[in-house]
Amino acid sequence: MALSNNDIFKKLRVALKLRDDDIVKICALVDFAVTKSELGAIFRNENHPKYVECGDQFLRNFLNGLVIHMRGPMPEKKPKADKPALKKEGGKKTPSKKKSNPKKAD
């Protein structure tokens, strides 16, 4: 029997010792609004009348927020500098000079 998204979410909550407030803040890191009552419905027993299935989008946003919460925000990437152009002599590329290994005399 495979784990549902609700099961995965519950296990992460317990393993990381997260409270509802923590989960709300983690989801806010990725601009995903969630309320405590929505979380309560997700963490209910499957047989409860107010039980709500945890969708893929909900779990994905929580996991993306969890990455930011644990690692911190991604640093901004610096634009790559242009590579220096090859030197040209008279319209020809200059060949690279290879060092030759002198042969040992016997």
PDB file of N, CA and C in Angstrom:
ATOM      1  N   MET A   1       0.841  -1.175   0.000  1.00  0.00           N
ATOM      2  CA  MET A   1       0.000   0.000   0.000  1.00  0.00           C
ATOM      3  C   MET A   1       0.888   1.240   0.000  1.00  0.00           C
ATOM      4  N   ALA A   2       0.655   2.126  -0.930  1.00  0.00           N
ATOM      5  CA  ALA A   2       1.469   3.335  -1.069  1.00  0.00           C
ATOM      6  C   ALA A   2       1.028   4.395  -0.059  1.00  0.00           C
ATOM      7  N   LEU A   3       1.955   5.267   0.274  1.00  0.00           N
ATOM      8  CA  LEU A   3       1.648   6.366   1.180  1.00  0.00           C
ATOM      9  C   LEU A   3       0.927   7.474   0.422  1.00  0.00           C
ATOM     10  N   SER A   4      -0.066   8.058   1.048  1.00  0.00           N
ATOM     11  CA  SER A   4      -0.758   9.199   0.444  1.00  0.00           C
ATOM     12  C   SER A   4       0.015  10.476   0.782  1.00  0.00           C
ATOM     13  N   ASN A   5      -0.340  11.561   0.124  1.00  0.00           N
ATOM     14  CA  ASN A   5       0.285  12.845   0.428  1.00  0.00           C
ATOM     15  C   ASN A   5       0.041  13.230   1.882  1.00  0.00           C
ATOM     16  N   ASN A   6      -1.144  12.894   2.395  1.00  0.00           N
ATOM     17  CA  ASN A   6      -1.449  13.194   3.798  1.00  0.00           C
ATOM     18  C   ASN A   6      -0.496  12.441   4.727  1.00  0.00           C
ATOM     19  N   ASP A   7      -0.241  11.173   4.413  1.00  0.00           N
ATOM     20  CA  ASP A   7       0.669  10.375   5.237  1.00  0.00           C
ATOM     21  C   ASP A   7       2.083  10.962   5.214  1.00  0.00           C
ATOM     22  N   ILE A   8       2.534  11.345   4.051  1.00  0.00           N
ATOM     23  CA  ILE A   8       3.873  11.927   3.914  1.00  0.00           C
ATOM     24  C   ILE A   8       3.953  13.225   4.710  1.00  0.00           C
ATOM     25  N   PHE A   9       2.939  14.062   4.552  1.00  0.00           N
ATOM     26  CA  PHE A   9       2.900  15.341   5.259  1.00  0.00           C
ATOM     27  C   PHE A   9       2.901  15.129   6.770  1.00  0.00           C
ATOM     28  N   LYS A  10       2.116  14.171   7.268  1.00  0.00           N
ATOM     29  CA  LYS A  10       2.067  13.869   8.702  1.00  0.00           C
ATOM     30  C   LYS A  10       3.421  13.389   9.206  1.00  0.00           C
ATOM     31  N   LYS A  11       4.058  12.523   8.435  1.00  0.00           N
ATOM     32  CA  LYS A  11       5.354  11.981   8.854  1.00  0.00           C
ATOM     33  C   LYS A  11       6.431  13.065   8.899  1.00  0.00           C
ATOM     34  N   LEU A  12       6.412  13.978   7.925  1.00  0.00           N
ATOM     35  CA  LEU A  12       7.362  15.091   7.930  1.00  0.00           C
ATOM     36  C   LEU A  12       7.112  16.008   9.125  1.00  0.00           C
ATOM     37  N   ARG A  13       5.857  16.245   9.407  1.00  0.00           N
ATOM     38  CA  ARG A  13       5.497  17.105  10.540  1.00  0.00           C
ATOM     39  C   ARG A  13       6.034  16.531  11.844  1.00  0.00           C
ATOM     40  N   VAL A  14       5.861  15.240  12.039  1.00  0.00           N
ATOM     41  CA  VAL A  14       6.312  14.595  13.274  1.00  0.00           C
ATOM     42  C   VAL A  14       7.838  14.533  13.315  1.00  0.00           C
ATOM     43  N   ALA A  15       8.454  14.131  12.208  1.00  0.00           N
ATOM     44  CA  ALA A  15       9.907  13.973  12.179  1.00  0.00           C
ATOM     45  C   ALA A  15      10.635  15.294  12.418  1.00  0.00           C
ATOM     46  N   LEU A  16      10.079  16.389  11.887  1.00  0.00           N
ATOM     47  CA  LEU A  16      10.729  17.696  12.026  1.00  0.00           C
ATOM     48  C   LEU A  16      10.193  18.493  13.204  1.00  0.00           C
ATOM     49  N   LYS A  17       9.260  17.889  13.964  1.00  0.00           N
ATOM     50  CA  LYS A  17       8.671  18.524  15.149  1.00  0.00           C
ATOM     51  C   LYS A  17       8.096  19.902  14.812  1.00  0.00           C
ATOM     52  N   LEU A  18       7.273  19.946  13.763  1.00  0.00           N
ATOM     53  CA  LEU A  18       6.682  21.202  13.314  1.00  0.00           C
ATOM     54  C   LEU A  18       5.296  21.390  13.913  1.00  0.00           C
ATOM     55  N   ARG A  19       4.995  22.608  14.277  1.00  0.00           N
ATOM     56  CA  ARG A  19       3.664  22.968  14.751  1.00  0.00           C
ATOM     57  C   ARG A  19       2.918  23.621  13.597  1.00  0.00           C
ATOM     58  N   ASP A  20       1.622  23.840  13.786  1.00  0.00           N
ATOM     59  CA  ASP A  20       0.825  24.472  12.734  1.00  0.00           C
ATOM     60  C   ASP A  20       1.381  25.848  12.364  1.00  0.00           C
ATOM     61  N   ASP A  21       1.809  26.621  13.369  1.00  0.00           N
ATOM     62  CA  ASP A  21       2.381  27.949  13.102  1.00  0.00           C
ATOM     63  C   ASP A  21       3.625  27.846  12.224  1.00  0.00           C
ATOM     64  N   ASP A  22       4.456  26.847  12.503  1.00  0.00           N
ATOM     65  CA  ASP A  22       5.670  26.652  11.713  1.00  0.00           C
ATOM     66  C   ASP A  22       5.336  26.323  10.263  1.00  0.00           C
ATOM     67  N   ILE A  23       4.343  25.480  10.061  1.00  0.00           N
ATOM     68  CA  ILE A  23       3.953  25.078   8.709  1.00  0.00           C
ATOM     69  C   ILE A  23       3.383  26.266   7.943  1.00  0.00           C
ATOM     70  N   VAL A  24       2.598  27.107   8.627  1.00  0.00           N
ATOM     71  CA  VAL A  24       2.050  28.311   7.983  1.00  0.00           C
ATOM     72  C   VAL A  24       3.190  29.235   7.539  1.00  0.00           C
ATOM     73  N   LYS A  25       4.199  29.411   8.398  1.00  0.00           N
ATOM     74  CA  LYS A  25       5.345  30.261   8.053  1.00  0.00           C
ATOM     75  C   LYS A  25       6.161  29.665   6.917  1.00  0.00           C
ATOM     76  N   ILE A  26       6.335  28.353   6.915  1.00  0.00           N
ATOM     77  CA  ILE A  26       7.096  27.682   5.855  1.00  0.00           C
ATOM     78  C   ILE A  26       6.389  27.854   4.516  1.00  0.00           C
ATOM     79  N   CYS A  27       5.085  27.703   4.499  1.00  0.00           N
ATOM     80  CA  CYS A  27       4.325  27.876   3.251  1.00  0.00           C
ATOM     81  C   CYS A  27       4.363  29.333   2.787  1.00  0.00           C
ATOM     82  N   ALA A  28       4.416  30.262   3.729  1.00  0.00           N
ATOM     83  CA  ALA A  28       4.486  31.680   3.374  1.00  0.00           C
ATOM     84  C   ALA A  28       5.804  32.023   2.680  1.00  0.00           C
ATOM     85  N   LEU A  29       6.853  31.246   2.913  1.00  0.00           N
ATOM     86  CA  LEU A  29       8.148  31.496   2.270  1.00  0.00           C
ATOM     87  C   LEU A  29       8.072  31.366   0.751  1.00  0.00           C
ATOM     88  N   VAL A  30       7.107  30.579   0.272  1.00  0.00           N
ATOM     89  CA  VAL A  30       6.930  30.409  -1.177  1.00  0.00           C
ATOM     90  C   VAL A  30       5.620  31.047  -1.636  1.00  0.00           C
ATOM     91  N   ASP A  31       5.125  32.015  -0.863  1.00  0.00           N
ATOM     92  CA  ASP A  31       3.901  32.755  -1.182  1.00  0.00           C
ATOM     93  C   ASP A  31       2.697  31.832  -1.361  1.00  0.00           C
ATOM     94  N   PHE A  32       2.592  30.838  -0.503  1.00  0.00           N
ATOM     95  CA  PHE A  32       1.468  29.915  -0.517  1.00  0.00           C
ATOM     96  C   PHE A  32       0.713  30.097   0.787  1.00  0.00           C
ATOM     97  N   ALA A  33      -0.483  30.666   0.694  1.00  0.00           N
ATOM     98  CA  ALA A  33      -1.270  30.954   1.888  1.00  0.00           C
ATOM     99  C   ALA A  33      -2.025  29.703   2.343  1.00  0.00           C
ATOM    100  N   VAL A  34      -1.897  29.405   3.618  1.00  0.00           N
ATOM    101  CA  VAL A  34      -2.594  28.264   4.210  1.00  0.00           C
ATOM    102  C   VAL A  34      -3.002  28.664   5.626  1.00  0.00           C
ATOM    103  N   THR A  35      -4.151  28.174   6.057  1.00  0.00           N
ATOM    104  CA  THR A  35      -4.631  28.498   7.403  1.00  0.00           C
ATOM    105  C   THR A  35      -4.484  27.278   8.312  1.00  0.00           C
ATOM    106  N   LYS A  36      -4.580  27.540   9.605  1.00  0.00           N
ATOM    107  CA  LYS A  36      -4.494  26.447  10.577  1.00  0.00           C
ATOM    108  C   LYS A  36      -5.668  25.486  10.432  1.00  0.00           C
ATOM    109  N   SER A  37      -6.839  26.009  10.076  1.00  0.00           N
ATOM    110  CA  SER A  37      -7.999  25.126   9.923  1.00  0.00           C
ATOM    111  C   SER A  37      -7.826  24.199   8.720  1.00  0.00           C
ATOM    112  N   GLU A  38      -7.179  24.684   7.654  1.00  0.00           N
ATOM    113  CA  GLU A  38      -6.893  23.816   6.510  1.00  0.00           C
ATOM    114  C   GLU A  38      -5.923  22.711   6.910  1.00  0.00           C
ATOM    115  N   LEU A  39      -4.935  23.074   7.710  1.00  0.00           N
ATOM    116  CA  LEU A  39      -3.973  22.072   8.182  1.00  0.00           C
ATOM    117  C   LEU A  39      -4.660  21.044   9.073  1.00  0.00           C
ATOM    118  N   GLY A  40      -5.573  21.512   9.930  1.00  0.00           N
ATOM    119  CA  GLY A  40      -6.308  20.597  10.799  1.00  0.00           C
ATOM    120  C   GLY A  40      -7.111  19.581   9.999  1.00  0.00           C
ATOM    121  N   ALA A  41      -7.682  20.026   8.894  1.00  0.00           N
ATOM    122  CA  ALA A  41      -8.462  19.118   8.047  1.00  0.00           C
ATOM    123  C   ALA A  41      -7.560  18.097   7.349  1.00  0.00           C
ATOM    124  N   ILE A  42      -6.368  18.508   6.996  1.00  0.00           N
ATOM    125  CA  ILE A  42      -5.423  17.596   6.327  1.00  0.00           C
ATOM    126  C   ILE A  42      -4.895  16.548   7.306  1.00  0.00           C
ATOM    127  N   PHE A  43      -4.685  16.956   8.558  1.00  0.00           N
ATOM    128  CA  PHE A  43      -4.096  16.037   9.535  1.00  0.00           C
ATOM    129  C   PHE A  43      -5.137  15.168  10.249  1.00  0.00           C
ATOM    130  N   ARG A  44      -6.398  15.290   9.890  1.00  0.00           N
ATOM    131  CA  ARG A  44      -7.441  14.467  10.508  1.00  0.00           C
ATOM    132  C   ARG A  44      -7.358  13.025  10.029  1.00  0.00           C
ATOM    133  N   ASN A  45      -8.090  12.156  10.726  1.00  0.00           N
ATOM    134  CA  ASN A  45      -8.203  10.756  10.340  1.00  0.00           C
ATOM    135  C   ASN A  45      -9.031  10.657   9.055  1.00  0.00           C
ATOM    136  N   GLU A  46      -8.703   9.690   8.210  1.00  0.00           N
ATOM    137  CA  GLU A  46      -9.400   9.543   6.927  1.00  0.00           C
ATOM    138  C   GLU A  46     -10.898   9.319   7.099  1.00  0.00           C
ATOM    139  N   ASN A  47     -11.327   8.745   8.206  1.00  0.00           N
ATOM    140  CA  ASN A  47     -12.739   8.450   8.433  1.00  0.00           C
ATOM    141  C   ASN A  47     -13.527   9.641   8.961  1.00  0.00           C
ATOM    142  N   HIS A  48     -12.843  10.715   9.303  1.00  0.00           N
ATOM    143  CA  HIS A  48     -13.504  11.896   9.859  1.00  0.00           C
ATOM    144  C   HIS A  48     -14.271  12.630   8.748  1.00  0.00           C
ATOM    145  N   PRO A  49     -15.461  13.159   9.052  1.00  0.00           N
ATOM    146  CA  PRO A  49     -16.250  13.839   8.004  1.00  0.00           C
ATOM    147  C   PRO A  49     -15.602  15.115   7.464  1.00  0.00           C
ATOM    148  N   LYS A  50     -14.728  15.762   8.230  1.00  0.00           N
ATOM    149  CA  LYS A  50     -14.074  17.006   7.796  1.00  0.00           C
ATOM    150  C   LYS A  50     -12.678  16.768   7.206  1.00  0.00           C
ATOM    151  N   TYR A  51     -12.337  15.516   6.963  1.00  0.00           N
ATOM    152  CA  TYR A  51     -11.042  15.154   6.389  1.00  0.00           C
ATOM    153  C   TYR A  51     -10.912  15.736   4.974  1.00  0.00           C
ATOM    154  N   VAL A  52      -9.720  16.271   4.660  1.00  0.00           N
ATOM    155  CA  VAL A  52      -9.433  16.805   3.324  1.00  0.00           C
ATOM    156  C   VAL A  52      -8.169  16.144   2.810  1.00  0.00           C
ATOM    157  N   GLU A  53      -8.196  15.742   1.547  1.00  0.00           N
ATOM    158  CA  GLU A  53      -7.009  15.144   0.939  1.00  0.00           C
ATOM    159  C   GLU A  53      -5.974  16.224   0.660  1.00  0.00           C
ATOM    160  N   CYS A  54      -4.737  15.912   0.931  1.00  0.00           N
ATOM    161  CA  CYS A  54      -3.634  16.822   0.645  1.00  0.00           C
ATOM    162  C   CYS A  54      -3.265  16.657  -0.829  1.00  0.00           C
ATOM    163  N   GLY A  55      -3.428  17.709  -1.589  1.00  0.00           N
ATOM    164  CA  GLY A  55      -3.143  17.643  -3.014  1.00  0.00           C
ATOM    165  C   GLY A  55      -1.654  17.731  -3.315  1.00  0.00           C
ATOM    166  N   ASP A  56      -1.313  17.415  -4.544  1.00  0.00           N
ATOM    167  CA  ASP A  56       0.086  17.468  -4.968  1.00  0.00           C
ATOM    168  C   ASP A  56       0.647  18.882  -4.866  1.00  0.00           C
ATOM    169  N   GLN A  57      -0.147  19.867  -5.280  1.00  0.00           N
ATOM    170  CA  GLN A  57       0.310  21.256  -5.243  1.00  0.00           C
ATOM    171  C   GLN A  57       0.592  21.699  -3.812  1.00  0.00           C
ATOM    172  N   PHE A  58      -0.278  21.315  -2.888  1.00  0.00           N
ATOM    173  CA  PHE A  58      -0.097  21.689  -1.485  1.00  0.00           C
ATOM    174  C   PHE A  58       1.208  21.109  -0.955  1.00  0.00           C
ATOM    175  N   LEU A  59       1.424  19.821  -1.180  1.00  0.00           N
ATOM    176  CA  LEU A  59       2.638  19.166  -0.687  1.00  0.00           C
ATOM    177  C   LEU A  59       3.876  19.734  -1.363  1.00  0.00           C
ATOM    178  N   ARG A  60       3.794  19.989  -2.674  1.00  0.00           N
ATOM    179  CA  ARG A  60       4.932  20.549  -3.407  1.00  0.00           C
ATOM    180  C   ARG A  60       5.325  21.912  -2.856  1.00  0.00           C
ATOM    181  N   ASN A  61       4.330  22.777  -2.615  1.00  0.00           N
ATOM    182  CA  ASN A  61       4.627  24.103  -2.066  1.00  0.00           C
ATOM    183  C   ASN A  61       5.207  24.009  -0.667  1.00  0.00           C
ATOM    184  N   PHE A  62       4.690  23.084   0.139  1.00  0.00           N
ATOM    185  CA  PHE A  62       5.254  22.903   1.475  1.00  0.00           C
ATOM    186  C   PHE A  62       6.716  22.455   1.384  1.00  0.00           C
ATOM    187  N   LEU A  63       7.006  21.500   0.504  1.00  0.00           N
ATOM    188  CA  LEU A  63       8.377  20.999   0.372  1.00  0.00           C
ATOM    189  C   LEU A  63       9.320  22.085  -0.148  1.00  0.00           C
ATOM    190  N   ASN A  64       8.866  22.896  -1.082  1.00  0.00           N
ATOM    191  CA  ASN A  64       9.700  23.998  -1.576  1.00  0.00           C
ATOM    192  C   ASN A  64       9.965  25.006  -0.465  1.00  0.00           C
ATOM    193  N   GLY A  65       8.956  25.295   0.342  1.00  0.00           N
ATOM    194  CA  GLY A  65       9.149  26.189   1.479  1.00  0.00           C
ATOM    195  C   GLY A  65      10.055  25.577   2.526  1.00  0.00           C
ATOM    196  N   LEU A  66       9.965  24.272   2.702  1.00  0.00           N
ATOM    197  CA  LEU A  66      10.811  23.581   3.672  1.00  0.00           C
ATOM    198  C   LEU A  66      12.280  23.663   3.265  1.00  0.00           C
ATOM    199  N   VAL A  67      12.547  23.574   1.984  1.00  0.00           N
ATOM    200  CA  VAL A  67      13.928  23.700   1.496  1.00  0.00           C
ATOM    201  C   VAL A  67      14.470  25.083   1.850  1.00  0.00           C
ATOM    202  N   ILE A  68      13.678  26.109   1.614  1.00  0.00           N
ATOM    203  CA  ILE A  68      14.114  27.476   1.950  1.00  0.00           C
ATOM    204  C   ILE A  68      14.272  27.620   3.453  1.00  0.00           C
ATOM    205  N   HIS A  69      13.368  27.043   4.217  1.00  0.00           N
ATOM    206  CA  HIS A  69      13.421  27.119   5.680  1.00  0.00           C
ATOM    207  C   HIS A  69      14.689  26.458   6.222  1.00  0.00           C
ATOM    208  N   MET A  70      15.056  25.312   5.664  1.00  0.00           N
ATOM    209  CA  MET A  70      16.211  24.567   6.168  1.00  0.00           C
ATOM    210  C   MET A  70      17.545  25.110   5.640  1.00  0.00           C
ATOM    211  N   ARG A  71      17.605  25.429   4.362  1.00  0.00           N
ATOM    212  CA  ARG A  71      18.863  25.859   3.727  1.00  0.00           C
ATOM    213  C   ARG A  71      19.039  27.354   3.688  1.00  0.00           C
ATOM    214  N   GLY A  72      17.953  28.087   3.688  1.00  0.00           N
ATOM    215  CA  GLY A  72      18.004  29.527   3.483  1.00  0.00           C
ATOM    216  C   GLY A  72      17.726  29.831   2.024  1.00  0.00           C
ATOM    217  N   PRO A  73      17.480  31.109   1.711  1.00  0.00           N
ATOM    218  CA  PRO A  73      17.163  31.453   0.325  1.00  0.00           C
ATOM    219  C   PRO A  73      18.360  31.240  -0.590  1.00  0.00           C
ATOM    220  N   MET A  74      18.062  30.963  -1.861  1.00  0.00           N
ATOM    221  CA  MET A  74      19.138  30.756  -2.832  1.00  0.00           C
ATOM    222  C   MET A  74      19.857  32.068  -3.081  1.00  0.00           C
ATOM    223  N   PRO A  75      21.183  32.047  -3.151  1.00  0.00           N
ATOM    224  CA  PRO A  75      21.910  33.282  -3.464  1.00  0.00           C
ATOM    225  C   PRO A  75      21.650  33.680  -4.913  1.00  0.00           C
ATOM    226  N   GLU A  76      21.697  34.979  -5.152  1.00  0.00           N
ATOM    227  CA  GLU A  76      21.488  35.460  -6.512  1.00  0.00           C
ATOM    228  C   GLU A  76      22.687  35.092  -7.370  1.00  0.00           C
ATOM    229  N   LYS A  77      22.388  34.667  -8.593  1.00  0.00           N
ATOM    230  CA  LYS A  77      23.461  34.271  -9.499  1.00  0.00           C
ATOM    231  C   LYS A  77      24.051  35.509 -10.157  1.00  0.00           C
ATOM    232  N   LYS A  78      25.373  35.523 -10.254  1.00  0.00           N
ATOM    233  CA  LYS A  78      26.053  36.624 -10.926  1.00  0.00           C
ATOM    234  C   LYS A  78      26.073  36.339 -12.414  1.00  0.00           C
ATOM    235  N   PRO A  79      25.894  37.363 -13.230  1.00  0.00           N
ATOM    236  CA  PRO A  79      25.964  37.112 -14.669  1.00  0.00           C
ATOM    237  C   PRO A  79      27.388  36.705 -15.053  1.00  0.00           C
ATOM    238  N   LYS A  80      27.461  35.747 -15.967  1.00  0.00           N
ATOM    239  CA  LYS A  80      28.771  35.264 -16.385  1.00  0.00           C
ATOM    240  C   LYS A  80      29.455  36.310 -17.259  1.00  0.00           C
ATOM    241  N   ALA A  81      30.749  36.511 -17.008  1.00  0.00           N
ATOM    242  CA  ALA A  81      31.528  37.448 -17.819  1.00  0.00           C
ATOM    243  C   ALA A  81      31.824  36.793 -19.155  1.00  0.00           C
ATOM    244  N   ASP A  82      31.917  37.618 -20.196  1.00  0.00           N
ATOM    245  CA  ASP A  82      32.257  37.084 -21.509  1.00  0.00           C
ATOM    246  C   ASP A  82      33.662  36.523 -21.479  1.00  0.00           C
ATOM    247  N   LYS A  83      33.834  35.423 -22.183  1.00  0.00           N
ATOM    248  CA  LYS A  83      35.152  34.814 -22.255  1.00  0.00           C
ATOM    249  C   LYS A  83      36.042  35.670 -23.148  1.00  0.00           C
ATOM    250  N   PRO A  84      37.331  35.766 -22.818  1.00  0.00           N
ATOM    251  CA  PRO A  84      38.229  36.572 -23.674  1.00  0.00           C
ATOM    252  C   PRO A  84      38.336  35.946 -25.066  1.00  0.00           C
ATOM    253  N   ALA A  85      38.396  36.811 -26.054  1.00  0.00           N
ATOM    254  CA  ALA A  85      38.472  36.347 -27.445  1.00  0.00           C
ATOM    255  C   ALA A  85      39.878  35.824 -27.746  1.00  0.00           C
ATOM    256  N   LEU A  86      39.978  34.935 -28.728  1.00  0.00           N
ATOM    257  CA  LEU A  86      41.277  34.423 -29.158  1.00  0.00           C
ATOM    258  C   LEU A  86      42.055  35.528 -29.852  1.00  0.00           C
ATOM    259  N   LYS A  87      43.349  35.531 -29.623  1.00  0.00           N
ATOM    260  CA  LYS A  87      44.194  36.512 -30.298  1.00  0.00           C
ATOM    261  C   LYS A  87      44.331  36.108 -31.753  1.00  0.00           C
ATOM    262  N   LYS A  88      44.301  37.089 -32.620  1.00  0.00           N
ATOM    263  CA  LYS A  88      44.419  36.808 -34.048  1.00  0.00           C
ATOM    264  C   LYS A  88      45.609  37.566 -34.613  1.00  0.00           C
ATOM    265  N   GLU A  89      46.313  36.917 -35.494  1.00  0.00           N
ATOM    266  CA  GLU A  89      47.425  37.546 -36.204  1.00  0.00           C
ATOM    267  C   GLU A  89      47.137  37.431 -37.688  1.00  0.00           C
ATOM    268  N   GLY A  90      46.928  38.532 -38.343  1.00  0.00           N
ATOM    269  CA  GLY A  90      46.694  38.510 -39.780  1.00  0.00           C
ATOM    270  C   GLY A  90      45.466  37.696 -40.157  1.00  0.00           C
ATOM    271  N   GLY A  91      44.468  37.687 -39.323  1.00  0.00           N
ATOM    272  CA  GLY A  91      43.247  36.964 -39.629  1.00  0.00           C
ATOM    273  C   GLY A  91      43.311  35.490 -39.276  1.00  0.00           C
ATOM    274  N   LYS A  92      44.440  35.023 -38.751  1.00  0.00           N
ATOM    275  CA  LYS A  92      44.579  33.616 -38.373  1.00  0.00           C
ATOM    276  C   LYS A  92      44.648  33.511 -36.869  1.00  0.00           C
ATOM    277  N   LYS A  93      44.141  32.419 -36.384  1.00  0.00           N
ATOM    278  CA  LYS A  93      44.224  32.155 -34.952  1.00  0.00           C
ATOM    279  C   LYS A  93      45.637  31.717 -34.626  1.00  0.00           C
ATOM    280  N   THR A  94      46.122  32.151 -33.474  1.00  0.00           N
ATOM    281  CA  THR A  94      47.464  31.744 -33.072  1.00  0.00           C
ATOM    282  C   THR A  94      47.392  30.342 -32.496  1.00  0.00           C
ATOM    283  N   PRO A  95      48.249  29.457 -32.954  1.00  0.00           N
ATOM    284  CA  PRO A  95      48.232  28.089 -32.430  1.00  0.00           C
ATOM    285  C   PRO A  95      48.751  28.071 -31.001  1.00  0.00           C
ATOM    286  N   SER A  96      48.240  27.137 -30.230  1.00  0.00           N
ATOM    287  CA  SER A  96      48.728  27.004 -28.863  1.00  0.00           C
ATOM    288  C   SER A  96      50.084  26.322 -28.914  1.00  0.00           C
ATOM    289  N   LYS A  97      50.974  26.797 -28.086  1.00  0.00           N
ATOM    290  CA  LYS A  97      52.327  26.240 -28.059  1.00  0.00           C
ATOM    291  C   LYS A  97      52.322  25.054 -27.121  1.00  0.00           C
ATOM    292  N   LYS A  98      52.727  23.926 -27.660  1.00  0.00           N
ATOM    293  CA  LYS A  98      52.796  22.713 -26.848  1.00  0.00           C
ATOM    294  C   LYS A  98      54.240  22.498 -26.438  1.00  0.00           C
ATOM    295  N   LYS A  99      54.413  22.087 -25.206  1.00  0.00           N
ATOM    296  CA  LYS A  99      55.742  21.766 -24.732  1.00  0.00           C
ATOM    297  C   LYS A  99      56.054  20.341 -25.139  1.00  0.00           C
ATOM    298  N   SER A 100      57.205  20.159 -25.718  1.00  0.00           N
ATOM    299  CA  SER A 100      57.570  18.808 -26.128  1.00  0.00           C
ATOM    300  C   SER A 100      58.469  18.201 -25.057  1.00  0.00           C
ATOM    301  N   ASN A 101      58.330  16.935 -24.868  1.00  0.00           N
ATOM    302  CA  ASN A 101      59.156  16.231 -23.892  1.00  0.00           C
ATOM    303  C   ASN A 101      60.429  15.785 -24.595  1.00  0.00           C
ATOM    304  N   PRO A 102      61.591  16.236 -24.113  1.00  0.00           N
ATOM    305  CA  PRO A 102      62.863  15.787 -24.740  1.00  0.00           C
ATOM    306  C   PRO A 102      63.061  14.300 -24.487  1.00  0.00           C
ATOM    307  N   LYS A 103      63.572  13.635 -25.514  1.00  0.00           N
ATOM    308  CA  LYS A 103      63.820  12.208 -25.383  1.00  0.00           C
ATOM    309  C   LYS A 103      65.064  11.999 -24.546  1.00  0.00           C
ATOM    310  N   LYS A 104      65.020  10.986 -23.717  1.00  0.00           N
ATOM    311  CA  LYS A 104      66.168  10.687 -22.864  1.00  0.00           C
ATOM    312  C   LYS A 104      67.219   9.957 -23.687  1.00  0.00           C
ATOM    313  N   ALA A 105      68.441  10.376 -23.503  1.00  0.00           N
ATOM    314  CA  ALA A 105      69.541   9.718 -24.206  1.00  0.00           C
ATOM    315  C   ALA A 105      69.991   8.517 -23.399  1.00  0.00           C
ATOM    316  N   ASP A 106      70.290   7.412 -24.104  1.00  0.00           N
ATOM    317  CA  ASP A 106      70.734   6.203 -23.427  1.00  0.00           C
ATOM    318  C   ASP A 106      72.201   6.178 -23.247  1.00  0.00           C
TER     319      ASP A 106
END
